Amino acid sequence: MPSVATLVAIGAVASALVWVGGTRLERSADRLAIYYGLPAVVQGAVIVAIGSSMPELLTAVLAPLRYDEFELGLAVIVGSAIFNILVIPAVATLSTDGSLRATPNLVYKEAQFYLLAVAVFILTLSLAVIYYPADAEFGVGGDLTRGFALVPVAVYLLYVFLQYEDTLDHKPAREGAETGVAVRKQWAYLIGGFALIAIGVEGLLFFAVGLGDALGTESFVWGLTVIAAATSIPDMVASISAARNDNEVTSIANVFGSNVFDLLVAVPAGVLVAGATFVNFSRAVPLLSYLVFATVVLFALMRTKFELARWEAYLLVVVYAVFLAWVVGESFGVVTLLEAT
């Protein structure tokens, strides 16, 4: 087994690959969205969000296939969602000179559909426990089948349909040929970025599993924290870049769109590829409950004057620090809501 130092080095290199690949993929997706004349909300909530969510998607698929660790992939998705909701808007706000402005459409449509996505995800896990219960080390669990995995995917198709309807009334300022975007070159960069992310994700999974074995901790703890933050790098780069370019709607929409994609597509993709997979419902619910709490906090702060002020950004960071303290407490047996001891 590799030493801890070697594993940390692998994790650092893998994170760098995810950052480079994710940045390249995000920029290409952004430019292609401009070329095809998509509105800002669709650009952020669908195109950029899917592009920057590739690390989470590949993690959800590779974790059960390569390491038989579906819970690790699930932990990365949930940890990444919490990171996206709390840290990325905060950092995007602090990267600007003032506040991060939102719009009523963003708050009332994107944020509320995101809450619906969380509810559908919890419902899907509930169906697995009710109809296909399975023995668990603690609490209750069930087998999530391919049929149940199609439920959140269907809801995501509804989300894409709603975004498509928005494009029908949108008139781009310039036609594709007038944007100056080299479309073939950007598609090539897009594919290259995807390949780098795939290599990086493989390294991150190896890091999490190896470090869990070396330190005697469960790998999902590292998935909730370190890997979740690493896979969220493309999302953070996309949101900060959009905020600095005064494209604040895209900056925030990317956060909601990425999380909607992660919950409704990334996790089901792992099930569709690997087949029926065991899920510990008692472990998932506390994590998803904190995700709901984090979402409500962000939603409430965005609703005040439809902007995020700097003090509100610091508050989001504090809420994320509480989450980290909880997970660390689990790993040392101080808290046992997840039975991580």
C-alpha atoms as a PDB file:
ATOM      1  CA  MET A   1       0.000   0.000   0.000  1.00  0.00           C
ATOM      2  CA  PRO A   2       1.406   3.468  -0.855  1.00  0.00           C
ATOM      3  CA  SER A   3       2.534   5.694   1.996  1.00  0.00           C
ATOM      4  CA  VAL A   4       0.409   8.607   3.198  1.00  0.00           C
ATOM      5  CA  ALA A   5       2.871  11.049   1.616  1.00  0.00           C
ATOM      6  CA  THR A   6       2.551   9.272  -1.734  1.00  0.00           C
ATOM      7  CA  LEU A   7      -1.234   9.282  -1.486  1.00  0.00           C
ATOM      8  CA  VAL A   8      -1.259  13.008  -0.694  1.00  0.00           C
ATOM      9  CA  ALA A   9       0.983  13.647  -3.699  1.00  0.00           C
ATOM     10  CA  ILE A  10      -1.362  11.622  -5.923  1.00  0.00           C
ATOM     11  CA  GLY A  11      -4.313  13.583  -4.557  1.00  0.00           C
ATOM     12  CA  ALA A  12      -2.566  16.900  -5.271  1.00  0.00           C
ATOM     13  CA  VAL A  13      -1.696  15.933  -8.845  1.00  0.00           C
ATOM     14  CA  ALA A  14      -5.196  14.577  -9.425  1.00  0.00           C
ATOM     15  CA  SER A  15      -6.717  17.821  -8.121  1.00  0.00           C
ATOM     16  CA  ALA A  16      -4.508  19.792 -10.495  1.00  0.00           C
ATOM     17  CA  LEU A  17      -5.669  17.666 -13.430  1.00  0.00           C
ATOM     18  CA  VAL A  18      -9.302  18.202 -12.451  1.00  0.00           C
ATOM     19  CA  TRP A  19      -8.650  21.952 -12.193  1.00  0.00           C
ATOM     20  CA  VAL A  20      -6.928  22.183 -15.596  1.00  0.00           C
ATOM     21  CA  GLY A  21      -9.416  19.901 -17.332  1.00  0.00           C
ATOM     22  CA  GLY A  22     -12.406  21.499 -15.659  1.00  0.00           C
ATOM     23  CA  THR A  23     -11.243  25.015 -16.471  1.00  0.00           C
ATOM     24  CA  ARG A  24     -10.666  24.091 -20.098  1.00  0.00           C
ATOM     25  CA  LEU A  25     -13.985  22.295 -20.348  1.00  0.00           C
ATOM     26  CA  GLU A  26     -15.875  25.131 -18.628  1.00  0.00           C
ATOM     27  CA  ARG A  27     -14.384  27.796 -20.887  1.00  0.00           C
ATOM     28  CA  SER A  28     -15.156  25.791 -23.992  1.00  0.00           C
ATOM     29  CA  ALA A  29     -18.728  25.155 -22.844  1.00  0.00           C
ATOM     30  CA  ASP A  30     -19.117  28.851 -22.090  1.00  0.00           C
ATOM     31  CA  ARG A  31     -17.861  29.910 -25.516  1.00  0.00           C
ATOM     32  CA  LEU A  32     -19.972  27.321 -27.290  1.00  0.00           C
ATOM     33  CA  ALA A  33     -23.018  28.627 -25.406  1.00  0.00           C
ATOM     34  CA  ILE A  34     -22.202  32.109 -26.695  1.00  0.00           C
ATOM     35  CA  TYR A  35     -21.723  30.764 -30.211  1.00  0.00           C
ATOM     36  CA  TYR A  36     -25.134  29.077 -30.140  1.00  0.00           C
ATOM     37  CA  GLY A  37     -26.746  32.204 -28.677  1.00  0.00           C
ATOM     38  CA  LEU A  38     -28.145  30.830 -25.406  1.00  0.00           C
ATOM     39  CA  PRO A  39     -29.548  33.175 -22.713  1.00  0.00           C
ATOM     40  CA  ALA A  40     -27.529  33.802 -19.537  1.00  0.00           C
ATOM     41  CA  VAL A  41     -29.669  31.663 -17.216  1.00  0.00           C
ATOM     42  CA  VAL A  42     -29.602  28.673 -19.591  1.00  0.00           C
ATOM     43  CA  GLN A  43     -25.895  29.214 -20.190  1.00  0.00           C
ATOM     44  CA  GLY A  44     -25.177  29.046 -16.461  1.00  0.00           C
ATOM     45  CA  ALA A  45     -27.797  26.539 -15.320  1.00  0.00           C
ATOM     46  CA  VAL A  46     -27.360  23.958 -18.101  1.00  0.00           C
ATOM     47  CA  ILE A  47     -24.327  24.349 -20.386  1.00  0.00           C
ATOM     48  CA  VAL A  48     -21.708  25.621 -17.910  1.00  0.00           C
ATOM     49  CA  ALA A  49     -23.252  23.601 -15.073  1.00  0.00           C
ATOM     50  CA  ILE A  50     -23.025  20.305 -16.942  1.00  0.00           C
ATOM     51  CA  GLY A  51     -19.501  21.089 -18.087  1.00  0.00           C
ATOM     52  CA  SER A  52     -18.288  21.952 -14.599  1.00  0.00           C
ATOM     53  CA  SER A  53     -20.120  18.940 -13.092  1.00  0.00           C
ATOM     54  CA  MET A  54     -18.160  16.371 -15.088  1.00  0.00           C
ATOM     55  CA  PRO A  55     -15.873  15.553 -12.105  1.00  0.00           C
ATOM     56  CA  GLU A  56     -18.894  14.630  -9.974  1.00  0.00           C
ATOM     57  CA  LEU A  57     -20.460  12.619 -12.794  1.00  0.00           C
ATOM     58  CA  LEU A  58     -17.298  10.620 -13.394  1.00  0.00           C
ATOM     59  CA  THR A  59     -16.851  10.110  -9.647  1.00  0.00           C
ATOM     60  CA  ALA A  60     -20.363   8.680  -9.322  1.00  0.00           C
ATOM     61  CA  VAL A  61     -19.720   6.318 -12.241  1.00  0.00           C
ATOM     62  CA  LEU A  62     -16.140   5.248 -11.463  1.00  0.00           C
ATOM     63  CA  ALA A  63     -16.518   4.784  -7.684  1.00  0.00           C
ATOM     64  CA  PRO A  64     -18.855   1.757  -7.901  1.00  0.00           C
ATOM     65  CA  LEU A  65     -17.231   0.370 -11.049  1.00  0.00           C
ATOM     66  CA  ARG A  66     -13.575   0.633 -10.043  1.00  0.00           C
ATOM     67  CA  TYR A  67     -13.705   0.380  -6.250  1.00  0.00           C
ATOM     68  CA  ASP A  68     -17.179  -1.018  -5.469  1.00  0.00           C
ATOM     69  CA  GLU A  69     -17.668   2.150  -3.397  1.00  0.00           C
ATOM     70  CA  PHE A  70     -21.039   3.625  -4.341  1.00  0.00           C
ATOM     71  CA  GLU A  71     -21.283   5.384  -0.959  1.00  0.00           C
ATOM     72  CA  LEU A  72     -18.004   7.146  -1.728  1.00  0.00           C
ATOM     73  CA  GLY A  73     -19.465   8.503  -4.952  1.00  0.00           C
ATOM     74  CA  LEU A  74     -22.659   9.519  -3.127  1.00  0.00           C
ATOM     75  CA  ALA A  75     -20.608  11.246  -0.423  1.00  0.00           C
ATOM     76  CA  VAL A  76     -18.686  13.207  -3.042  1.00  0.00           C
ATOM     77  CA  ILE A  77     -21.937  14.329  -4.698  1.00  0.00           C
ATOM     78  CA  VAL A  78     -23.545  15.487  -1.446  1.00  0.00           C
ATOM     79  CA  GLY A  79     -20.339  17.044  -0.118  1.00  0.00           C
ATOM     80  CA  SER A  80     -19.832  18.831  -3.418  1.00  0.00           C
ATOM     81  CA  ALA A  81     -23.436  20.082  -3.378  1.00  0.00           C
ATOM     82  CA  ILE A  82     -22.970  21.551   0.105  1.00  0.00           C
ATOM     83  CA  PHE A  83     -19.653  23.103  -0.967  1.00  0.00           C
ATOM     84  CA  ASN A  84     -21.289  24.582  -4.071  1.00  0.00           C
ATOM     85  CA  ILE A  85     -24.221  26.075  -2.170  1.00  0.00           C
ATOM     86  CA  LEU A  86     -22.171  27.634   0.636  1.00  0.00           C
ATOM     87  CA  VAL A  87     -18.591  28.253  -0.456  1.00  0.00           C
ATOM     88  CA  ILE A  88     -18.863  29.124  -4.153  1.00  0.00           C
ATOM     89  CA  PRO A  89     -21.418  31.967  -3.797  1.00  0.00           C
ATOM     90  CA  ALA A  90     -19.384  33.284  -0.865  1.00  0.00           C
ATOM     91  CA  VAL A  91     -16.079  33.262  -2.756  1.00  0.00           C
ATOM     92  CA  ALA A  92     -17.757  34.700  -5.878  1.00  0.00           C
ATOM     93  CA  THR A  93     -19.164  37.544  -3.781  1.00  0.00           C
ATOM     94  CA  LEU A  94     -15.829  38.260  -2.102  1.00  0.00           C
ATOM     95  CA  SER A  95     -14.098  38.257  -5.501  1.00  0.00           C
ATOM     96  CA  THR A  96     -16.144  41.286  -6.572  1.00  0.00           C
ATOM     97  CA  ASP A  97     -15.872  44.870  -5.354  1.00  0.00           C
ATOM     98  CA  GLY A  98     -19.375  44.890  -3.916  1.00  0.00           C
ATOM     99  CA  SER A  99     -22.234  42.433  -3.607  1.00  0.00           C
ATOM    100  CA  LEU A 100     -23.355  39.590  -5.873  1.00  0.00           C
ATOM    101  CA  ARG A 101     -26.686  40.525  -7.428  1.00  0.00           C
ATOM    102  CA  ALA A 102     -29.453  38.023  -8.140  1.00  0.00           C
ATOM    103  CA  THR A 103     -32.751  38.338  -9.996  1.00  0.00           C
ATOM    104  CA  PRO A 104     -36.322  37.366  -9.036  1.00  0.00           C
ATOM    105  CA  ASN A 105     -36.315  34.809 -11.879  1.00  0.00           C
ATOM    106  CA  LEU A 106     -33.157  33.221 -10.536  1.00  0.00           C
ATOM    107  CA  VAL A 107     -34.396  33.097  -6.951  1.00  0.00           C
ATOM    108  CA  TYR A 108     -37.934  31.954  -7.636  1.00  0.00           C
ATOM    109  CA  LYS A 109     -37.285  29.523 -10.502  1.00  0.00           C
ATOM    110  CA  GLU A 110     -33.747  28.153 -10.219  1.00  0.00           C
ATOM    111  CA  ALA A 111     -33.531  27.972  -6.430  1.00  0.00           C
ATOM    112  CA  GLN A 112     -36.989  26.496  -6.019  1.00  0.00           C
ATOM    113  CA  PHE A 113     -36.467  23.889  -8.733  1.00  0.00           C
ATOM    114  CA  TYR A 114     -33.248  22.987  -6.973  1.00  0.00           C
ATOM    115  CA  LEU A 115     -35.208  22.366  -3.766  1.00  0.00           C
ATOM    116  CA  LEU A 116     -37.525  20.162  -5.830  1.00  0.00           C
ATOM    117  CA  ALA A 117     -34.466  18.253  -7.084  1.00  0.00           C
ATOM    118  CA  VAL A 118     -33.343  17.586  -3.508  1.00  0.00           C
ATOM    119  CA  ALA A 119     -36.850  16.388  -2.602  1.00  0.00           C
ATOM    120  CA  VAL A 120     -36.992  14.057  -5.618  1.00  0.00           C
ATOM    121  CA  PHE A 121     -33.569  12.644  -4.743  1.00  0.00           C
ATOM    122  CA  ILE A 122     -34.650  11.905  -1.165  1.00  0.00           C
ATOM    123  CA  LEU A 123     -37.888  10.367  -2.483  1.00  0.00           C
ATOM    124  CA  THR A 124     -35.897   8.105  -4.814  1.00  0.00           C
ATOM    125  CA  LEU A 125     -33.778   6.826  -1.918  1.00  0.00           C
ATOM    126  CA  SER A 126     -36.957   6.319   0.108  1.00  0.00           C
ATOM    127  CA  LEU A 127     -38.456   4.158  -2.644  1.00  0.00           C
ATOM    128  CA  ALA A 128     -35.358   1.961  -2.576  1.00  0.00           C
ATOM    129  CA  VAL A 129     -35.720   1.415   1.179  1.00  0.00           C
ATOM    130  CA  ILE A 130     -39.476   0.766   0.983  1.00  0.00           C
ATOM    131  CA  TYR A 131     -39.562  -1.653  -1.950  1.00  0.00           C
ATOM    132  CA  TYR A 132     -36.060  -3.204  -1.892  1.00  0.00           C
ATOM    133  CA  PRO A 133     -34.927  -3.158   1.758  1.00  0.00           C
ATOM    134  CA  ALA A 134     -31.498  -4.591   2.495  1.00  0.00           C
ATOM    135  CA  ASP A 135     -29.463  -5.338   5.611  1.00  0.00           C
ATOM    136  CA  ALA A 136     -27.325  -2.434   6.819  1.00  0.00           C
ATOM    137  CA  GLU A 137     -24.547  -2.163   9.394  1.00  0.00           C
ATOM    138  CA  PHE A 138     -26.724   0.387  11.193  1.00  0.00           C
ATOM    139  CA  GLY A 139     -30.083   1.981  10.529  1.00  0.00           C
ATOM    140  CA  VAL A 140     -31.983   1.077   7.385  1.00  0.00           C
ATOM    141  CA  GLY A 141     -30.896   0.663   3.794  1.00  0.00           C
ATOM    142  CA  GLY A 142     -32.137  -0.473   0.416  1.00  0.00           C
ATOM    143  CA  ASP A 143     -31.081  -1.356  -3.104  1.00  0.00           C
ATOM    144  CA  LEU A 144     -31.389   1.490  -5.584  1.00  0.00           C
ATOM    145  CA  THR A 145     -32.359  -0.126  -8.893  1.00  0.00           C
ATOM    146  CA  ARG A 146     -32.004   1.141 -12.437  1.00  0.00           C
ATOM    147  CA  GLY A 147     -35.764   1.664 -12.606  1.00  0.00           C
ATOM    148  CA  PHE A 148     -35.766   3.953  -9.576  1.00  0.00           C
ATOM    149  CA  ALA A 149     -32.690   5.768 -10.921  1.00  0.00           C
ATOM    150  CA  LEU A 150     -34.709   6.820 -13.965  1.00  0.00           C
ATOM    151  CA  VAL A 151     -37.074   8.855 -11.750  1.00  0.00           C
ATOM    152  CA  PRO A 152     -34.629  11.725 -11.054  1.00  0.00           C
ATOM    153  CA  VAL A 153     -33.375  11.555 -14.651  1.00  0.00           C
ATOM    154  CA  ALA A 154     -36.946  12.155 -15.849  1.00  0.00           C
ATOM    155  CA  VAL A 155     -37.213  15.189 -13.557  1.00  0.00           C
ATOM    156  CA  TYR A 156     -33.946  16.523 -14.997  1.00  0.00           C
ATOM    157  CA  LEU A 157     -35.403  16.215 -18.489  1.00  0.00           C
ATOM    158  CA  LEU A 158     -38.258  18.404 -17.253  1.00  0.00           C
ATOM    159  CA  TYR A 159     -35.664  20.908 -16.039  1.00  0.00           C
ATOM    160  CA  VAL A 160     -33.978  20.949 -19.457  1.00  0.00           C
ATOM    161  CA  PHE A 161     -37.369  21.383 -21.118  1.00  0.00           C
ATOM    162  CA  LEU A 162     -38.132  24.416 -18.949  1.00  0.00           C
ATOM    163  CA  GLN A 163     -34.751  25.902 -19.829  1.00  0.00           C
ATOM    164  CA  TYR A 164     -35.374  25.179 -23.507  1.00  0.00           C
ATOM    165  CA  GLU A 165     -38.642  27.105 -23.329  1.00  0.00           C
ATOM    166  CA  ASP A 166     -36.640  30.090 -22.105  1.00  0.00           C
ATOM    167  CA  THR A 167     -34.479  29.959 -25.210  1.00  0.00           C
ATOM    168  CA  LEU A 168     -37.483  30.316 -27.527  1.00  0.00           C
ATOM    169  CA  ASP A 169     -38.067  33.915 -26.474  1.00  0.00           C
ATOM    170  CA  HIS A 170     -34.392  34.807 -26.361  1.00  0.00           C
ATOM    171  CA  LYS A 171     -32.796  36.738 -29.204  1.00  0.00           C
ATOM    172  CA  PRO A 172     -28.974  36.617 -29.147  1.00  0.00           C
ATOM    173  CA  ALA A 173     -27.117  39.871 -29.639  1.00  0.00           C
ATOM    174  CA  ARG A 174     -24.966  38.256 -32.323  1.00  0.00           C
ATOM    175  CA  GLU A 175     -25.274  35.252 -34.594  1.00  0.00           C
ATOM    176  CA  GLY A 176     -22.903  32.308 -34.178  1.00  0.00           C
ATOM    177  CA  ALA A 177     -20.569  33.308 -37.003  1.00  0.00           C
ATOM    178  CA  GLU A 178     -20.360  36.856 -35.619  1.00  0.00           C
ATOM    179  CA  THR A 179     -19.167  35.826 -32.162  1.00  0.00           C
ATOM    180  CA  GLY A 180     -15.618  35.061 -33.291  1.00  0.00           C
ATOM    181  CA  VAL A 181     -15.718  31.623 -31.632  1.00  0.00           C
ATOM    182  CA  ALA A 182     -13.715  28.872 -33.372  1.00  0.00           C
ATOM    183  CA  VAL A 183     -16.369  26.236 -32.841  1.00  0.00           C
ATOM    184  CA  ARG A 184     -14.358  23.148 -33.898  1.00  0.00           C
ATOM    185  CA  LYS A 185     -11.417  24.196 -31.754  1.00  0.00           C
ATOM    186  CA  GLN A 186     -13.675  24.676 -28.726  1.00  0.00           C
ATOM    187  CA  TRP A 187     -15.242  21.230 -29.220  1.00  0.00           C
ATOM    188  CA  ALA A 188     -11.714  19.754 -29.289  1.00  0.00           C
ATOM    189  CA  TYR A 189     -10.827  21.574 -26.065  1.00  0.00           C
ATOM    190  CA  LEU A 190     -14.071  20.311 -24.556  1.00  0.00           C
ATOM    191  CA  ILE A 191     -13.179  16.675 -25.267  1.00  0.00           C
ATOM    192  CA  GLY A 192      -9.596  17.179 -24.060  1.00  0.00           C
ATOM    193  CA  GLY A 193     -10.836  18.711 -20.812  1.00  0.00           C
ATOM    194  CA  PHE A 194     -13.128  15.743 -20.273  1.00  0.00           C
ATOM    195  CA  ALA A 195     -10.191  13.336 -20.666  1.00  0.00           C
ATOM    196  CA  LEU A 196      -8.074  15.236 -18.109  1.00  0.00           C
ATOM    197  CA  ILE A 197     -10.958  15.242 -15.644  1.00  0.00           C
ATOM    198  CA  ALA A 198     -11.396  11.472 -16.041  1.00  0.00           C
ATOM    199  CA  ILE A 199      -7.726  10.876 -15.185  1.00  0.00           C
ATOM    200  CA  GLY A 200      -7.908  13.297 -12.262  1.00  0.00           C
ATOM    201  CA  VAL A 201     -11.042  11.699 -10.820  1.00  0.00           C
ATOM    202  CA  GLU A 202      -9.436   8.257 -10.958  1.00  0.00           C
ATOM    203  CA  GLY A 203      -6.510   9.669  -8.953  1.00  0.00           C
ATOM    204  CA  LEU A 204      -8.822  11.280  -6.401  1.00  0.00           C
ATOM    205  CA  LEU A 205     -10.725   8.045  -5.831  1.00  0.00           C
ATOM    206  CA  PHE A 206      -7.450   6.143  -5.387  1.00  0.00           C
ATOM    207  CA  PHE A 207      -6.393   8.831  -2.897  1.00  0.00           C
ATOM    208  CA  ALA A 208      -9.608   8.593  -0.860  1.00  0.00           C
ATOM    209  CA  VAL A 209      -9.707   4.801  -0.684  1.00  0.00           C
ATOM    210  CA  GLY A 210      -5.981   4.542   0.058  1.00  0.00           C
ATOM    211  CA  LEU A 211      -5.998   7.267   2.715  1.00  0.00           C
ATOM    212  CA  GLY A 212      -9.034   5.712   4.376  1.00  0.00           C
ATOM    213  CA  ASP A 213      -7.198   2.388   4.634  1.00  0.00           C
ATOM    214  CA  ALA A 214      -3.953   4.002   5.806  1.00  0.00           C
ATOM    215  CA  LEU A 215      -5.555   6.127   8.537  1.00  0.00           C
ATOM    216  CA  GLY A 216      -8.257   3.684   9.543  1.00  0.00           C
ATOM    217  CA  THR A 217     -11.082   6.016   8.536  1.00  0.00           C
ATOM    218  CA  GLU A 218     -13.943   5.441   6.131  1.00  0.00           C
ATOM    219  CA  SER A 219     -13.313   6.657   2.610  1.00  0.00           C
ATOM    220  CA  PHE A 220     -16.655   8.441   2.426  1.00  0.00           C
ATOM    221  CA  VAL A 221     -15.400  10.942   5.056  1.00  0.00           C
ATOM    222  CA  TRP A 222     -12.694  12.047   2.630  1.00  0.00           C
ATOM    223  CA  GLY A 223     -15.260  12.058  -0.144  1.00  0.00           C
ATOM    224  CA  LEU A 224     -17.455  14.481   1.814  1.00  0.00           C
ATOM    225  CA  THR A 225     -14.601  16.910   2.362  1.00  0.00           C
ATOM    226  CA  VAL A 226     -11.393  16.773   0.337  1.00  0.00           C
ATOM    227  CA  ILE A 227     -12.639  15.125  -2.858  1.00  0.00           C
ATOM    228  CA  ALA A 228     -15.901  17.081  -2.796  1.00  0.00           C
ATOM    229  CA  ALA A 229     -13.939  20.343  -2.688  1.00  0.00           C
ATOM    230  CA  ALA A 230     -11.524  19.154  -5.390  1.00  0.00           C
ATOM    231  CA  THR A 231     -14.297  18.139  -7.795  1.00  0.00           C
ATOM    232  CA  SER A 232     -16.000  21.502  -7.213  1.00  0.00           C
ATOM    233  CA  ILE A 233     -12.981  23.439  -8.511  1.00  0.00           C
ATOM    234  CA  PRO A 234     -14.450  23.816 -12.037  1.00  0.00           C
ATOM    235  CA  ASP A 235     -17.713  25.109 -10.553  1.00  0.00           C
ATOM    236  CA  MET A 236     -15.818  27.647  -8.461  1.00  0.00           C
ATOM    237  CA  VAL A 237     -13.698  28.800 -11.400  1.00  0.00           C
ATOM    238  CA  ALA A 238     -16.814  29.203 -13.543  1.00  0.00           C
ATOM    239  CA  SER A 239     -18.723  31.196 -10.921  1.00  0.00           C
ATOM    240  CA  ILE A 240     -15.808  33.463  -9.983  1.00  0.00           C
ATOM    241  CA  SER A 241     -15.038  34.163 -13.634  1.00  0.00           C
ATOM    242  CA  ALA A 242     -18.675  35.017 -14.340  1.00  0.00           C
ATOM    243  CA  ALA A 243     -18.923  37.254 -11.259  1.00  0.00           C
ATOM    244  CA  ARG A 244     -15.780  39.200 -12.178  1.00  0.00           C
ATOM    245  CA  ASN A 245     -17.138  39.710 -15.696  1.00  0.00           C
ATOM    246  CA  ASP A 246     -20.345  41.213 -14.248  1.00  0.00           C
ATOM    247  CA  ASN A 247     -22.262  38.120 -15.339  1.00  0.00           C
ATOM    248  CA  GLU A 248     -23.676  37.518 -11.877  1.00  0.00           C
ATOM    249  CA  VAL A 249     -26.781  35.643 -13.031  1.00  0.00           C
ATOM    250  CA  THR A 250     -24.602  33.013 -14.705  1.00  0.00           C
ATOM    251  CA  SER A 251     -22.395  32.867 -11.595  1.00  0.00           C
ATOM    252  CA  ILE A 252     -25.253  31.914  -9.266  1.00  0.00           C
ATOM    253  CA  ALA A 253     -27.234  29.895 -11.829  1.00  0.00           C
ATOM    254  CA  ASN A 254     -24.158  27.698 -12.299  1.00  0.00           C
ATOM    255  CA  VAL A 255     -24.329  26.721  -8.627  1.00  0.00           C
ATOM    256  CA  PHE A 256     -27.974  25.668  -8.753  1.00  0.00           C
ATOM    257  CA  GLY A 257     -27.623  24.049 -12.179  1.00  0.00           C
ATOM    258  CA  SER A 258     -24.573  22.041 -11.112  1.00  0.00           C
ATOM    259  CA  ASN A 259     -26.305  20.712  -8.018  1.00  0.00           C
ATOM    260  CA  VAL A 260     -29.468  19.853  -9.951  1.00  0.00           C
ATOM    261  CA  PHE A 261     -27.339  17.920 -12.449  1.00  0.00           C
ATOM    262  CA  ASP A 262     -25.348  16.176  -9.709  1.00  0.00           C
ATOM    263  CA  LEU A 263     -28.414  14.972  -7.804  1.00  0.00           C
ATOM    264  CA  LEU A 264     -30.683  14.132 -10.730  1.00  0.00           C
ATOM    265  CA  VAL A 265     -28.125  12.800 -13.233  1.00  0.00           C
ATOM    266  CA  ALA A 266     -24.694  12.072 -11.704  1.00  0.00           C
ATOM    267  CA  VAL A 267     -25.844   9.739  -8.926  1.00  0.00           C
ATOM    268  CA  PRO A 268     -28.398   7.916 -11.136  1.00  0.00           C
ATOM    269  CA  ALA A 269     -25.690   7.524 -13.799  1.00  0.00           C
ATOM    270  CA  GLY A 270     -23.618   5.493 -11.348  1.00  0.00           C
ATOM    271  CA  VAL A 271     -26.611   3.231 -10.711  1.00  0.00           C
ATOM    272  CA  LEU A 272     -27.475   2.894 -14.400  1.00  0.00           C
ATOM    273  CA  VAL A 273     -23.902   1.834 -15.175  1.00  0.00           C
ATOM    274  CA  ALA A 274     -23.217  -0.403 -12.160  1.00  0.00           C
ATOM    275  CA  GLY A 275     -26.707  -1.828 -11.659  1.00  0.00           C
ATOM    276  CA  ALA A 276     -28.693  -2.120  -8.418  1.00  0.00           C
ATOM    277  CA  THR A 277     -26.665  -0.507  -5.629  1.00  0.00           C
ATOM    278  CA  PHE A 278     -27.041  -0.538  -1.850  1.00  0.00           C
ATOM    279  CA  VAL A 279     -27.738   2.801  -0.152  1.00  0.00           C
ATOM    280  CA  ASN A 280     -27.661   3.364   3.606  1.00  0.00           C
ATOM    281  CA  PHE A 281     -30.690   5.609   4.070  1.00  0.00           C
ATOM    282  CA  SER A 282     -29.822   6.383   7.694  1.00  0.00           C
ATOM    283  CA  ARG A 283     -26.456   7.767   6.615  1.00  0.00           C
ATOM    284  CA  ALA A 284     -27.755   9.686   3.609  1.00  0.00           C
ATOM    285  CA  VAL A 285     -30.631  11.507   5.323  1.00  0.00           C
ATOM    286  CA  PRO A 286     -28.558  13.536   7.854  1.00  0.00           C
ATOM    287  CA  LEU A 287     -26.267  14.697   5.043  1.00  0.00           C
ATOM    288  CA  LEU A 288     -29.164  15.612   2.771  1.00  0.00           C
ATOM    289  CA  SER A 289     -30.837  17.389   5.691  1.00  0.00           C
ATOM    290  CA  TYR A 290     -27.789  19.617   6.052  1.00  0.00           C
ATOM    291  CA  LEU A 291     -27.879  20.235   2.312  1.00  0.00           C
ATOM    292  CA  VAL A 292     -31.503  21.380   2.635  1.00  0.00           C
ATOM    293  CA  PHE A 293     -30.521  23.616   5.560  1.00  0.00           C
ATOM    294  CA  ALA A 294     -27.656  25.133   3.564  1.00  0.00           C
ATOM    295  CA  THR A 295     -29.980  25.745   0.615  1.00  0.00           C
ATOM    296  CA  VAL A 296     -32.552  27.486   2.811  1.00  0.00           C
ATOM    297  CA  VAL A 297     -29.837  29.725   4.253  1.00  0.00           C
ATOM    298  CA  LEU A 298     -28.613  30.735   0.788  1.00  0.00           C
ATOM    299  CA  PHE A 299     -32.177  31.170  -0.487  1.00  0.00           C
ATOM    300  CA  ALA A 300     -33.075  33.461   2.442  1.00  0.00           C
ATOM    301  CA  LEU A 301     -29.937  35.563   2.044  1.00  0.00           C
ATOM    302  CA  MET A 302     -30.442  35.939  -1.720  1.00  0.00           C
ATOM    303  CA  ARG A 303     -34.058  37.003  -1.230  1.00  0.00           C
ATOM    304  CA  THR A 304     -33.046  40.036   0.855  1.00  0.00           C
ATOM    305  CA  LYS A 305     -32.646  42.809  -1.740  1.00  0.00           C
ATOM    306  CA  PHE A 306     -31.917  40.066  -4.325  1.00  0.00           C
ATOM    307  CA  GLU A 307     -28.191  40.155  -3.633  1.00  0.00           C
ATOM    308  CA  LEU A 308     -25.471  38.629  -1.485  1.00  0.00           C
ATOM    309  CA  ALA A 309     -23.600  41.181   0.609  1.00  0.00           C
ATOM    310  CA  ARG A 310     -20.080  40.602   1.877  1.00  0.00           C
ATOM    311  CA  TRP A 311     -21.204  39.909   5.460  1.00  0.00           C
ATOM    312  CA  GLU A 312     -23.646  37.341   4.102  1.00  0.00           C
ATOM    313  CA  ALA A 313     -20.777  35.684   2.217  1.00  0.00           C
ATOM    314  CA  TYR A 314     -18.863  35.312   5.483  1.00  0.00           C
ATOM    315  CA  LEU A 315     -21.973  33.809   7.088  1.00  0.00           C
ATOM    316  CA  LEU A 316     -22.094  31.147   4.350  1.00  0.00           C
ATOM    317  CA  VAL A 317     -18.456  30.281   5.070  1.00  0.00           C
ATOM    318  CA  VAL A 318     -19.288  29.867   8.768  1.00  0.00           C
ATOM    319  CA  VAL A 319     -22.161  27.502   7.930  1.00  0.00           C
ATOM    320  CA  TYR A 320     -19.743  25.413   5.817  1.00  0.00           C
ATOM    321  CA  ALA A 321     -17.186  25.416   8.649  1.00  0.00           C
ATOM    322  CA  VAL A 322     -19.885  23.947  10.902  1.00  0.00           C
ATOM    323  CA  PHE A 323     -20.383  21.161   8.349  1.00  0.00           C
ATOM    324  CA  LEU A 324     -16.645  20.404   8.302  1.00  0.00           C
ATOM    325  CA  ALA A 325     -16.564  20.347  12.102  1.00  0.00           C
ATOM    326  CA  TRP A 326     -19.438  17.861  12.080  1.00  0.00           C
ATOM    327  CA  VAL A 327     -17.688  15.525   9.609  1.00  0.00           C
ATOM    328  CA  VAL A 328     -14.403  15.726  11.545  1.00  0.00           C
ATOM    329  CA  GLY A 329     -16.341  14.978  14.725  1.00  0.00           C
ATOM    330  CA  GLU A 330     -17.794  11.904  13.020  1.00  0.00           C
ATOM    331  CA  SER A 331     -14.340  10.624  12.078  1.00  0.00           C
ATOM    332  CA  PHE A 332     -13.181  10.886  15.720  1.00  0.00           C
ATOM    333  CA  GLY A 333     -16.358   9.441  17.196  1.00  0.00           C
ATOM    334  CA  VAL A 334     -17.423  12.714  18.863  1.00  0.00           C
ATOM    335  CA  VAL A 335     -20.617  12.687  16.779  1.00  0.00           C
ATOM    336  CA  THR A 336     -22.235   9.465  15.537  1.00  0.00           C
ATOM    337  CA  LEU A 337     -25.070  10.555  13.274  1.00  0.00           C
ATOM    338  CA  LEU A 338     -23.276   8.895  10.336  1.00  0.00           C
ATOM    339  CA  GLU A 339     -21.721   6.057  12.342  1.00  0.00           C
ATOM    340  CA  ALA A 340     -18.313   6.968  10.836  1.00  0.00           C
ATOM    341  CA  THR A 341     -16.393   5.546  13.760  1.00  0.00           C
END
